[in-house]
Amino acid sequence: MLDFSVLMPVYIKENPQYLQRAINSILNQTLPPSEIVIVQDGPLTHQLYQVLDDFVQQYPQKFNLIALPENKGMGFAMDTGLRNCKYNYVARMDSDDIAKADRFEKQITYLAQNPQIDLVGSFIEEFANEPGDLGRFRKVPVTQPEILAFTRYRNPVNHMTAVFKREKALLAGSYWHKRVLEDYNLWYQMLRQGCEFFNLPEVLVYARVGNNMVGRRRGIEYIKHELSFFRGMVNDKFITRREFYTHSAARIALKLMPSSWLNFFYAKLLRR
């Protein structure tokens, strides 16, 4: 079986109990990772440091903690962590999510059996307090043609489920240091370079909602970054100008909605 790293960012506003549960879900896998790289994106709270210290004391050979002196954002933290992973296969994990016990076994087995695949993701089930309490799923396209078509207007991979080849991600430019669309841009650049993706058609990660997830994806500044990203797709001839204007109009309307309306839209129309 392939050796692989798990890459996880953590910052000061994380919940220590959620972090502990997320790491336990990694350590209790039927196929545990070879290493766990945790990027501390700026100073943390005492409680978060304590959680990490306890795990390092129990598994000193398993963890690689990288401390950034100040908060630089997801893109910078992930780029730094990716460059410090020992192994070519890197599995993403968020610090408040829960991986199903057989997640890595299924994804790594698929990659070992299909060496032409550069990234494998999966569906997610969103939850508030305990898995199953919302009955809400984000299902993404499965095959390469479906993924390429979907990428034209939405992110085709659930970031917290991705397992990908480190070398291919670095060749594509790694995570950019902007604080928006960090994963979407990376997937787009990898696909442009000919990387092959596949999403397993099942839930392998329980993704915690909250932490103002929707609120961080609205407003004028976010719209400007999104429009710049999709203009890049036009320049690359990945989408047409007509597609750009159509998709942009829809996105602008969504991002200017009140948060309560946008939450309803995500829950009822963008999830199943």
C-alpha atoms as a PDB file:
ATOM      1  CA  MET A   1       0.000   0.000   0.000  1.00  0.00           C
ATOM      2  CA  LEU A   2       1.128   3.565  -0.693  1.00  0.00           C
ATOM      3  CA  ASP A   3       2.672   5.779   1.973  1.00  0.00           C
ATOM      4  CA  PHE A   4       0.827   9.067   2.379  1.00  0.00           C
ATOM      5  CA  SER A   5       0.732  12.244   4.437  1.00  0.00           C
ATOM      6  CA  VAL A   6      -2.283  13.958   5.973  1.00  0.00           C
ATOM      7  CA  LEU A   7      -2.235  17.756   5.729  1.00  0.00           C
ATOM      8  CA  MET A   8      -4.321  19.793   8.180  1.00  0.00           C
ATOM      9  CA  PRO A   9      -4.352  23.527   9.001  1.00  0.00           C
ATOM     10  CA  VAL A  10      -5.390  24.889  12.398  1.00  0.00           C
ATOM     11  CA  TYR A  11      -5.787  28.463  13.593  1.00  0.00           C
ATOM     12  CA  ILE A  12      -6.703  30.287  16.778  1.00  0.00           C
ATOM     13  CA  LYS A  13     -10.493  30.225  16.370  1.00  0.00           C
ATOM     14  CA  GLU A  14     -10.728  26.434  16.127  1.00  0.00           C
ATOM     15  CA  ASN A  15     -12.595  24.459  18.798  1.00  0.00           C
ATOM     16  CA  PRO A  16     -10.199  22.199  20.790  1.00  0.00           C
ATOM     17  CA  GLN A  17     -12.800  19.424  21.112  1.00  0.00           C
ATOM     18  CA  TYR A  18     -13.462  19.458  17.379  1.00  0.00           C
ATOM     19  CA  LEU A  19      -9.719  19.324  16.695  1.00  0.00           C
ATOM     20  CA  GLN A  20      -9.277  16.370  19.040  1.00  0.00           C
ATOM     21  CA  ARG A  21     -12.134  14.498  17.403  1.00  0.00           C
ATOM     22  CA  ALA A  22     -10.812  15.229  13.901  1.00  0.00           C
ATOM     23  CA  ILE A  23      -7.332  13.912  14.741  1.00  0.00           C
ATOM     24  CA  ASN A  24      -8.759  10.825  16.451  1.00  0.00           C
ATOM     25  CA  SER A  25     -10.711  10.059  13.276  1.00  0.00           C
ATOM     26  CA  ILE A  26      -7.382  10.090  11.410  1.00  0.00           C
ATOM     27  CA  LEU A  27      -5.533   7.919  13.899  1.00  0.00           C
ATOM     28  CA  ASN A  28      -8.358   5.361  14.073  1.00  0.00           C
ATOM     29  CA  GLN A  29      -8.418   4.654  10.335  1.00  0.00           C
ATOM     30  CA  THR A  30      -8.324   1.113   9.010  1.00  0.00           C
ATOM     31  CA  LEU A  31      -5.369   2.425   6.978  1.00  0.00           C
ATOM     32  CA  PRO A  32      -3.539   5.041   9.087  1.00  0.00           C
ATOM     33  CA  PRO A  33      -1.372   7.699   7.402  1.00  0.00           C
ATOM     34  CA  SER A  34       2.407   7.558   7.401  1.00  0.00           C
ATOM     35  CA  GLU A  35       2.583  11.092   8.820  1.00  0.00           C
ATOM     36  CA  ILE A  36       0.268  13.910   9.909  1.00  0.00           C
ATOM     37  CA  VAL A  37       1.431  17.413   9.002  1.00  0.00           C
ATOM     38  CA  ILE A  38      -0.367  20.108  10.997  1.00  0.00           C
ATOM     39  CA  VAL A  39       0.231  23.740  10.086  1.00  0.00           C
ATOM     40  CA  GLN A  40      -0.416  26.154  12.947  1.00  0.00           C
ATOM     41  CA  ASP A  41      -1.546  29.274  11.084  1.00  0.00           C
ATOM     42  CA  GLY A  42      -0.373  31.832  13.629  1.00  0.00           C
ATOM     43  CA  PRO A  43      -0.401  31.601  17.454  1.00  0.00           C
ATOM     44  CA  LEU A  44      -3.038  29.289  18.945  1.00  0.00           C
ATOM     45  CA  THR A  45      -4.899  29.173  22.243  1.00  0.00           C
ATOM     46  CA  HIS A  46      -3.507  27.273  25.225  1.00  0.00           C
ATOM     47  CA  GLN A  47      -6.253  24.663  24.817  1.00  0.00           C
ATOM     48  CA  LEU A  48      -5.377  24.024  21.165  1.00  0.00           C
ATOM     49  CA  TYR A  49      -1.673  23.734  21.985  1.00  0.00           C
ATOM     50  CA  GLN A  50      -2.564  21.247  24.721  1.00  0.00           C
ATOM     51  CA  VAL A  51      -4.527  19.048  22.317  1.00  0.00           C
ATOM     52  CA  LEU A  52      -1.620  18.984  19.871  1.00  0.00           C
ATOM     53  CA  ASP A  53       0.978  18.392  22.593  1.00  0.00           C
ATOM     54  CA  ASP A  54      -0.977  15.423  23.934  1.00  0.00           C
ATOM     55  CA  PHE A  55      -1.075  13.776  20.517  1.00  0.00           C
ATOM     56  CA  VAL A  56       2.617  14.446  19.837  1.00  0.00           C
ATOM     57  CA  GLN A  57       3.565  12.868  23.165  1.00  0.00           C
ATOM     58  CA  GLN A  58       1.528   9.775  22.311  1.00  0.00           C
ATOM     59  CA  TYR A  59       2.710   9.515  18.686  1.00  0.00           C
ATOM     60  CA  PRO A  60       6.052  11.359  18.451  1.00  0.00           C
ATOM     61  CA  GLN A  61       7.024   9.768  15.129  1.00  0.00           C
ATOM     62  CA  LYS A  62       3.670  10.417  13.460  1.00  0.00           C
ATOM     63  CA  PHE A  63       3.266  14.194  13.762  1.00  0.00           C
ATOM     64  CA  ASN A  64       5.052  17.053  12.048  1.00  0.00           C
ATOM     65  CA  LEU A  65       3.932  20.399  13.514  1.00  0.00           C
ATOM     66  CA  ILE A  66       4.750  23.538  11.547  1.00  0.00           C
ATOM     67  CA  ALA A  67       4.243  26.838  13.382  1.00  0.00           C
ATOM     68  CA  LEU A  68       3.741  30.030  11.372  1.00  0.00           C
ATOM     69  CA  PRO A  69       4.585  33.163  13.410  1.00  0.00           C
ATOM     70  CA  GLU A  70       1.437  34.952  12.223  1.00  0.00           C
ATOM     71  CA  ASN A  71      -1.879  34.103  10.598  1.00  0.00           C
ATOM     72  CA  LYS A  72      -1.337  34.041   6.834  1.00  0.00           C
ATOM     73  CA  GLY A  73      -4.531  32.351   5.659  1.00  0.00           C
ATOM     74  CA  MET A  74      -5.444  28.939   4.303  1.00  0.00           C
ATOM     75  CA  GLY A  75      -3.555  29.270   1.018  1.00  0.00           C
ATOM     76  CA  PHE A  76      -0.222  30.178   2.583  1.00  0.00           C
ATOM     77  CA  ALA A  77      -0.611  27.554   5.330  1.00  0.00           C
ATOM     78  CA  MET A  78      -1.492  24.798   2.845  1.00  0.00           C
ATOM     79  CA  ASP A  79       1.333  25.738   0.491  1.00  0.00           C
ATOM     80  CA  THR A  80       3.788  25.633   3.401  1.00  0.00           C
ATOM     81  CA  GLY A  81       2.437  22.319   4.643  1.00  0.00           C
ATOM     82  CA  LEU A  82       2.411  20.738   1.186  1.00  0.00           C
ATOM     83  CA  ARG A  83       6.081  21.571   0.688  1.00  0.00           C
ATOM     84  CA  ASN A  84       6.889  19.913   4.023  1.00  0.00           C
ATOM     85  CA  CYS A  85       5.037  16.640   3.401  1.00  0.00           C
ATOM     86  CA  LYS A  86       7.398  13.667   3.103  1.00  0.00           C
ATOM     87  CA  TYR A  87       5.262  11.544   0.811  1.00  0.00           C
ATOM     88  CA  ASN A  88       3.956  12.034  -2.710  1.00  0.00           C
ATOM     89  CA  TYR A  89       0.361  11.223  -1.790  1.00  0.00           C
ATOM     90  CA  VAL A  90      -1.227  13.902   0.386  1.00  0.00           C
ATOM     91  CA  ALA A  91      -4.654  13.637   2.008  1.00  0.00           C
ATOM     92  CA  ARG A  92      -6.426  16.804   3.054  1.00  0.00           C
ATOM     93  CA  MET A  93      -8.332  17.035   6.301  1.00  0.00           C
ATOM     94  CA  ASP A  94      -9.934  19.951   8.106  1.00  0.00           C
ATOM     95  CA  SER A  95      -9.542  20.445  11.846  1.00  0.00           C
ATOM     96  CA  ASP A  96     -13.261  20.258  12.634  1.00  0.00           C
ATOM     97  CA  ASP A  97     -14.380  17.437  10.327  1.00  0.00           C
ATOM     98  CA  ILE A  98     -14.627  13.693  10.929  1.00  0.00           C
ATOM     99  CA  ALA A  99     -13.255  11.076   8.543  1.00  0.00           C
ATOM    100  CA  LYS A 100     -15.108   7.780   8.228  1.00  0.00           C
ATOM    101  CA  ALA A 101     -12.971   4.927   9.519  1.00  0.00           C
ATOM    102  CA  ASP A 102     -12.336   3.418   6.078  1.00  0.00           C
ATOM    103  CA  ARG A 103     -11.814   6.701   4.216  1.00  0.00           C
ATOM    104  CA  PHE A 104      -8.091   6.368   3.567  1.00  0.00           C
ATOM    105  CA  GLU A 105      -8.243   2.636   2.882  1.00  0.00           C
ATOM    106  CA  LYS A 106     -10.768   3.226   0.101  1.00  0.00           C
ATOM    107  CA  GLN A 107      -9.008   6.228  -1.418  1.00  0.00           C
ATOM    108  CA  ILE A 108      -5.456   4.907  -1.227  1.00  0.00           C
ATOM    109  CA  THR A 109      -6.548   1.510  -2.549  1.00  0.00           C
ATOM    110  CA  TYR A 110      -8.200   3.253  -5.503  1.00  0.00           C
ATOM    111  CA  LEU A 111      -5.057   5.278  -6.211  1.00  0.00           C
ATOM    112  CA  ALA A 112      -2.829   2.206  -5.939  1.00  0.00           C
ATOM    113  CA  GLN A 113      -5.046   0.360  -8.417  1.00  0.00           C
ATOM    114  CA  ASN A 114      -5.332   3.362 -10.762  1.00  0.00           C
ATOM    115  CA  PRO A 115      -1.891   5.009 -10.894  1.00  0.00           C
ATOM    116  CA  GLN A 116      -2.983   7.318 -13.737  1.00  0.00           C
ATOM    117  CA  ILE A 117      -5.328   9.137 -11.337  1.00  0.00           C
ATOM    118  CA  ASP A 118      -3.749  12.227  -9.751  1.00  0.00           C
ATOM    119  CA  LEU A 119      -6.540  13.126  -7.303  1.00  0.00           C
ATOM    120  CA  VAL A 120      -9.375  11.236  -5.696  1.00  0.00           C
ATOM    121  CA  GLY A 121     -12.109  12.865  -3.649  1.00  0.00           C
ATOM    122  CA  SER A 122     -15.542  11.851  -2.423  1.00  0.00           C
ATOM    123  CA  PHE A 123     -18.961  13.092  -1.363  1.00  0.00           C
ATOM    124  CA  ILE A 124     -19.467  14.711   2.043  1.00  0.00           C
ATOM    125  CA  GLU A 125     -22.285  14.756   4.554  1.00  0.00           C
ATOM    126  CA  GLU A 126     -22.648  18.074   6.363  1.00  0.00           C
ATOM    127  CA  PHE A 127     -23.554  18.158  10.043  1.00  0.00           C
ATOM    128  CA  ALA A 128     -23.994  20.703  12.836  1.00  0.00           C
ATOM    129  CA  ASN A 129     -23.384  18.780  16.074  1.00  0.00           C
ATOM    130  CA  GLU A 130     -23.333  15.088  15.210  1.00  0.00           C
ATOM    131  CA  PRO A 131     -23.109  13.309  11.834  1.00  0.00           C
ATOM    132  CA  GLY A 132     -26.575  12.704  10.437  1.00  0.00           C
ATOM    133  CA  ASP A 133     -28.310  15.585  12.180  1.00  0.00           C
ATOM    134  CA  LEU A 134     -28.865  17.636   9.006  1.00  0.00           C
ATOM    135  CA  GLY A 135     -29.304  14.968   6.347  1.00  0.00           C
ATOM    136  CA  ARG A 136     -27.446  17.244   3.940  1.00  0.00           C
ATOM    137  CA  PHE A 137     -24.934  16.114   1.314  1.00  0.00           C
ATOM    138  CA  ARG A 138     -22.627  17.696  -1.229  1.00  0.00           C
ATOM    139  CA  LYS A 139     -22.346  15.294  -4.122  1.00  0.00           C
ATOM    140  CA  VAL A 140     -19.759  16.152  -6.746  1.00  0.00           C
ATOM    141  CA  PRO A 141     -19.237  14.785 -10.281  1.00  0.00           C
ATOM    142  CA  VAL A 142     -17.472  11.438 -10.404  1.00  0.00           C
ATOM    143  CA  THR A 143     -15.671  10.936 -13.726  1.00  0.00           C
ATOM    144  CA  GLN A 144     -13.092  13.094 -15.508  1.00  0.00           C
ATOM    145  CA  PRO A 145     -15.447  14.413 -18.236  1.00  0.00           C
ATOM    146  CA  GLU A 146     -18.102  15.277 -15.633  1.00  0.00           C
ATOM    147  CA  ILE A 147     -15.495  16.948 -13.418  1.00  0.00           C
ATOM    148  CA  LEU A 148     -14.141  19.066 -16.282  1.00  0.00           C
ATOM    149  CA  ALA A 149     -17.652  20.210 -17.210  1.00  0.00           C
ATOM    150  CA  PHE A 150     -18.532  21.025 -13.599  1.00  0.00           C
ATOM    151  CA  THR A 151     -15.303  22.999 -13.093  1.00  0.00           C
ATOM    152  CA  ARG A 152     -16.555  25.565 -15.583  1.00  0.00           C
ATOM    153  CA  TYR A 153     -18.908  26.983 -12.960  1.00  0.00           C
ATOM    154  CA  ARG A 154     -18.373  25.296  -9.566  1.00  0.00           C
ATOM    155  CA  ASN A 155     -15.671  23.671  -7.466  1.00  0.00           C
ATOM    156  CA  PRO A 156     -15.564  19.988  -8.565  1.00  0.00           C
ATOM    157  CA  VAL A 157     -13.864  18.533  -5.473  1.00  0.00           C
ATOM    158  CA  ASN A 158     -14.791  18.644  -1.792  1.00  0.00           C
ATOM    159  CA  HIS A 159     -11.493  19.982  -0.476  1.00  0.00           C
ATOM    160  CA  MET A 160     -11.517  18.111   2.843  1.00  0.00           C
ATOM    161  CA  THR A 161     -11.877  14.796   0.973  1.00  0.00           C
ATOM    162  CA  ALA A 162      -9.044  15.217  -1.525  1.00  0.00           C
ATOM    163  CA  VAL A 163      -6.085  12.845  -1.748  1.00  0.00           C
ATOM    164  CA  PHE A 164      -3.671  13.947  -4.458  1.00  0.00           C
ATOM    165  CA  LYS A 165      -0.150  13.628  -5.794  1.00  0.00           C
ATOM    166  CA  ARG A 166       2.091  16.219  -4.199  1.00  0.00           C
ATOM    167  CA  GLU A 167       4.356  16.543  -7.220  1.00  0.00           C
ATOM    168  CA  LYS A 168       1.427  17.285  -9.542  1.00  0.00           C
ATOM    169  CA  ALA A 169       0.049  19.936  -7.179  1.00  0.00           C
ATOM    170  CA  LEU A 170       3.438  21.640  -6.917  1.00  0.00           C
ATOM    171  CA  LEU A 171       3.889  21.587 -10.698  1.00  0.00           C
ATOM    172  CA  ALA A 172       0.515  23.302 -10.999  1.00  0.00           C
ATOM    173  CA  GLY A 173       1.670  26.096  -8.702  1.00  0.00           C
ATOM    174  CA  SER A 174       0.474  24.721  -5.347  1.00  0.00           C
ATOM    175  CA  TYR A 175      -2.069  26.672  -3.286  1.00  0.00           C
ATOM    176  CA  TRP A 176      -2.080  30.374  -4.078  1.00  0.00           C
ATOM    177  CA  HIS A 177      -1.719  32.760  -1.134  1.00  0.00           C
ATOM    178  CA  LYS A 178      -4.979  34.609  -1.700  1.00  0.00           C
ATOM    179  CA  ARG A 179      -7.574  34.048   1.002  1.00  0.00           C
ATOM    180  CA  VAL A 180     -10.305  32.903  -1.404  1.00  0.00           C
ATOM    181  CA  LEU A 181     -10.797  29.947  -3.781  1.00  0.00           C
ATOM    182  CA  GLU A 182      -7.526  28.361  -2.629  1.00  0.00           C
ATOM    183  CA  ASP A 183      -8.584  24.812  -3.483  1.00  0.00           C
ATOM    184  CA  TYR A 184     -10.732  25.635  -6.532  1.00  0.00           C
ATOM    185  CA  ASN A 185      -7.802  27.406  -8.176  1.00  0.00           C
ATOM    186  CA  LEU A 186      -5.443  24.514  -7.449  1.00  0.00           C
ATOM    187  CA  TRP A 187      -7.838  21.937  -8.930  1.00  0.00           C
ATOM    188  CA  TYR A 188      -8.341  24.149 -11.981  1.00  0.00           C
ATOM    189  CA  GLN A 189      -4.602  24.539 -12.555  1.00  0.00           C
ATOM    190  CA  MET A 190      -4.031  20.799 -12.120  1.00  0.00           C
ATOM    191  CA  LEU A 191      -6.801  19.965 -14.592  1.00  0.00           C
ATOM    192  CA  ARG A 192      -5.378  22.462 -17.091  1.00  0.00           C
ATOM    193  CA  GLN A 193      -2.088  20.580 -16.917  1.00  0.00           C
ATOM    194  CA  GLY A 194      -3.812  17.321 -17.795  1.00  0.00           C
ATOM    195  CA  CYS A 195      -4.195  15.785 -14.339  1.00  0.00           C
ATOM    196  CA  GLU A 196      -6.872  13.111 -14.016  1.00  0.00           C
ATOM    197  CA  PHE A 197      -9.409  13.310 -11.180  1.00  0.00           C
ATOM    198  CA  PHE A 198     -11.981  10.908  -9.791  1.00  0.00           C
ATOM    199  CA  ASN A 199     -14.533  11.318  -6.999  1.00  0.00           C
ATOM    200  CA  LEU A 200     -15.659   8.169  -5.229  1.00  0.00           C
ATOM    201  CA  PRO A 201     -19.487   8.252  -5.252  1.00  0.00           C
ATOM    202  CA  GLU A 202     -19.930   7.842  -1.507  1.00  0.00           C
ATOM    203  CA  VAL A 203     -19.592   9.857   1.697  1.00  0.00           C
ATOM    204  CA  LEU A 204     -16.148   9.470   3.267  1.00  0.00           C
ATOM    205  CA  VAL A 205     -16.025  12.651   5.363  1.00  0.00           C
ATOM    206  CA  TYR A 206     -18.503  14.269   7.716  1.00  0.00           C
ATOM    207  CA  ALA A 207     -18.061  18.020   7.221  1.00  0.00           C
ATOM    208  CA  ARG A 208     -19.002  20.336  10.057  1.00  0.00           C
ATOM    209  CA  VAL A 209     -20.926  23.423   8.986  1.00  0.00           C
ATOM    210  CA  GLY A 210     -20.829  26.688  10.901  1.00  0.00           C
ATOM    211  CA  ASN A 211     -17.845  28.938  11.610  1.00  0.00           C
ATOM    212  CA  ASN A 212     -19.593  31.513   9.383  1.00  0.00           C
ATOM    213  CA  MET A 213     -18.899  29.384   6.308  1.00  0.00           C
ATOM    214  CA  VAL A 214     -21.539  31.141   4.200  1.00  0.00           C
ATOM    215  CA  GLY A 215     -20.790  34.599   5.590  1.00  0.00           C
ATOM    216  CA  ARG A 216     -17.173  34.322   4.462  1.00  0.00           C
ATOM    217  CA  ARG A 217     -18.334  33.678   0.888  1.00  0.00           C
ATOM    218  CA  ARG A 218     -20.322  36.850   0.322  1.00  0.00           C
ATOM    219  CA  GLY A 219     -19.785  40.582  -0.097  1.00  0.00           C
ATOM    220  CA  ILE A 220     -18.136  42.871  -2.629  1.00  0.00           C
ATOM    221  CA  GLU A 221     -14.523  41.788  -2.023  1.00  0.00           C
ATOM    222  CA  TYR A 222     -15.349  38.110  -2.425  1.00  0.00           C
ATOM    223  CA  ILE A 223     -17.236  38.892  -5.650  1.00  0.00           C
ATOM    224  CA  LYS A 224     -14.202  40.756  -7.031  1.00  0.00           C
ATOM    225  CA  HIS A 225     -11.932  37.772  -6.395  1.00  0.00           C
ATOM    226  CA  GLU A 226     -14.421  35.350  -7.956  1.00  0.00           C
ATOM    227  CA  LEU A 227     -14.836  37.477 -11.067  1.00  0.00           C
ATOM    228  CA  SER A 228     -11.058  37.734 -11.430  1.00  0.00           C
ATOM    229  CA  PHE A 229     -10.773  33.946 -11.151  1.00  0.00           C
ATOM    230  CA  PHE A 230     -13.389  33.329 -13.848  1.00  0.00           C
ATOM    231  CA  ARG A 231     -11.892  36.004 -16.105  1.00  0.00           C
ATOM    232  CA  GLY A 232      -8.749  33.899 -15.963  1.00  0.00           C
ATOM    233  CA  MET A 233     -10.787  30.956 -17.238  1.00  0.00           C
ATOM    234  CA  VAL A 234     -11.962  33.123 -20.162  1.00  0.00           C
ATOM    235  CA  ASN A 235      -8.380  34.136 -20.948  1.00  0.00           C
ATOM    236  CA  ASP A 236      -7.386  30.466 -20.867  1.00  0.00           C
ATOM    237  CA  LYS A 237     -10.301  29.704 -23.212  1.00  0.00           C
ATOM    238  CA  PHE A 238     -11.637  27.245 -20.641  1.00  0.00           C
ATOM    239  CA  ILE A 239     -15.019  29.006 -20.623  1.00  0.00           C
ATOM    240  CA  THR A 240     -16.634  31.377 -23.122  1.00  0.00           C
ATOM    241  CA  ARG A 241     -17.426  35.023 -22.482  1.00  0.00           C
ATOM    242  CA  ARG A 242     -21.115  34.154 -22.551  1.00  0.00           C
ATOM    243  CA  GLU A 243     -20.571  31.555 -19.829  1.00  0.00           C
ATOM    244  CA  PHE A 244     -18.590  34.098 -17.837  1.00  0.00           C
ATOM    245  CA  TYR A 245     -21.392  36.676 -17.924  1.00  0.00           C
ATOM    246  CA  THR A 246     -24.106  34.116 -17.192  1.00  0.00           C
ATOM    247  CA  HIS A 247     -22.305  32.562 -14.254  1.00  0.00           C
ATOM    248  CA  SER A 248     -21.124  35.921 -12.949  1.00  0.00           C
ATOM    249  CA  ALA A 249     -24.648  37.333 -12.847  1.00  0.00           C
ATOM    250  CA  ALA A 250     -25.836  34.361 -10.808  1.00  0.00           C
ATOM    251  CA  ARG A 251     -22.880  34.555  -8.425  1.00  0.00           C
ATOM    252  CA  ILE A 252     -23.251  38.300  -7.876  1.00  0.00           C
ATOM    253  CA  ALA A 253     -26.933  37.859  -7.058  1.00  0.00           C
ATOM    254  CA  LEU A 254     -26.129  35.116  -4.555  1.00  0.00           C
ATOM    255  CA  LYS A 255     -23.240  36.875  -2.847  1.00  0.00           C
ATOM    256  CA  LEU A 256     -25.289  40.044  -2.297  1.00  0.00           C
ATOM    257  CA  MET A 257     -28.130  38.172  -0.603  1.00  0.00           C
ATOM    258  CA  PRO A 258     -28.626  38.542   3.165  1.00  0.00           C
ATOM    259  CA  SER A 259     -26.826  35.741   5.023  1.00  0.00           C
ATOM    260  CA  SER A 260     -30.097  34.097   6.067  1.00  0.00           C
ATOM    261  CA  TRP A 261     -31.250  33.861   2.430  1.00  0.00           C
ATOM    262  CA  LEU A 262     -27.880  32.562   1.298  1.00  0.00           C
ATOM    263  CA  ASN A 263     -27.886  29.914   4.041  1.00  0.00           C
ATOM    264  CA  PHE A 264     -31.317  28.786   2.846  1.00  0.00           C
ATOM    265  CA  PHE A 265     -30.113  28.661  -0.767  1.00  0.00           C
ATOM    266  CA  TYR A 266     -27.067  26.543   0.134  1.00  0.00           C
ATOM    267  CA  ALA A 267     -29.110  24.181   2.288  1.00  0.00           C
ATOM    268  CA  LYS A 268     -32.069  23.686  -0.053  1.00  0.00           C
ATOM    269  CA  LEU A 269     -30.713  24.093  -3.576  1.00  0.00           C
ATOM    270  CA  LEU A 270     -26.934  23.440  -3.546  1.00  0.00           C
ATOM    271  CA  ARG A 271     -27.126  20.419  -1.231  1.00  0.00           C
ATOM    272  CA  ARG A 272     -29.060  17.172  -1.493  1.00  0.00           C
END
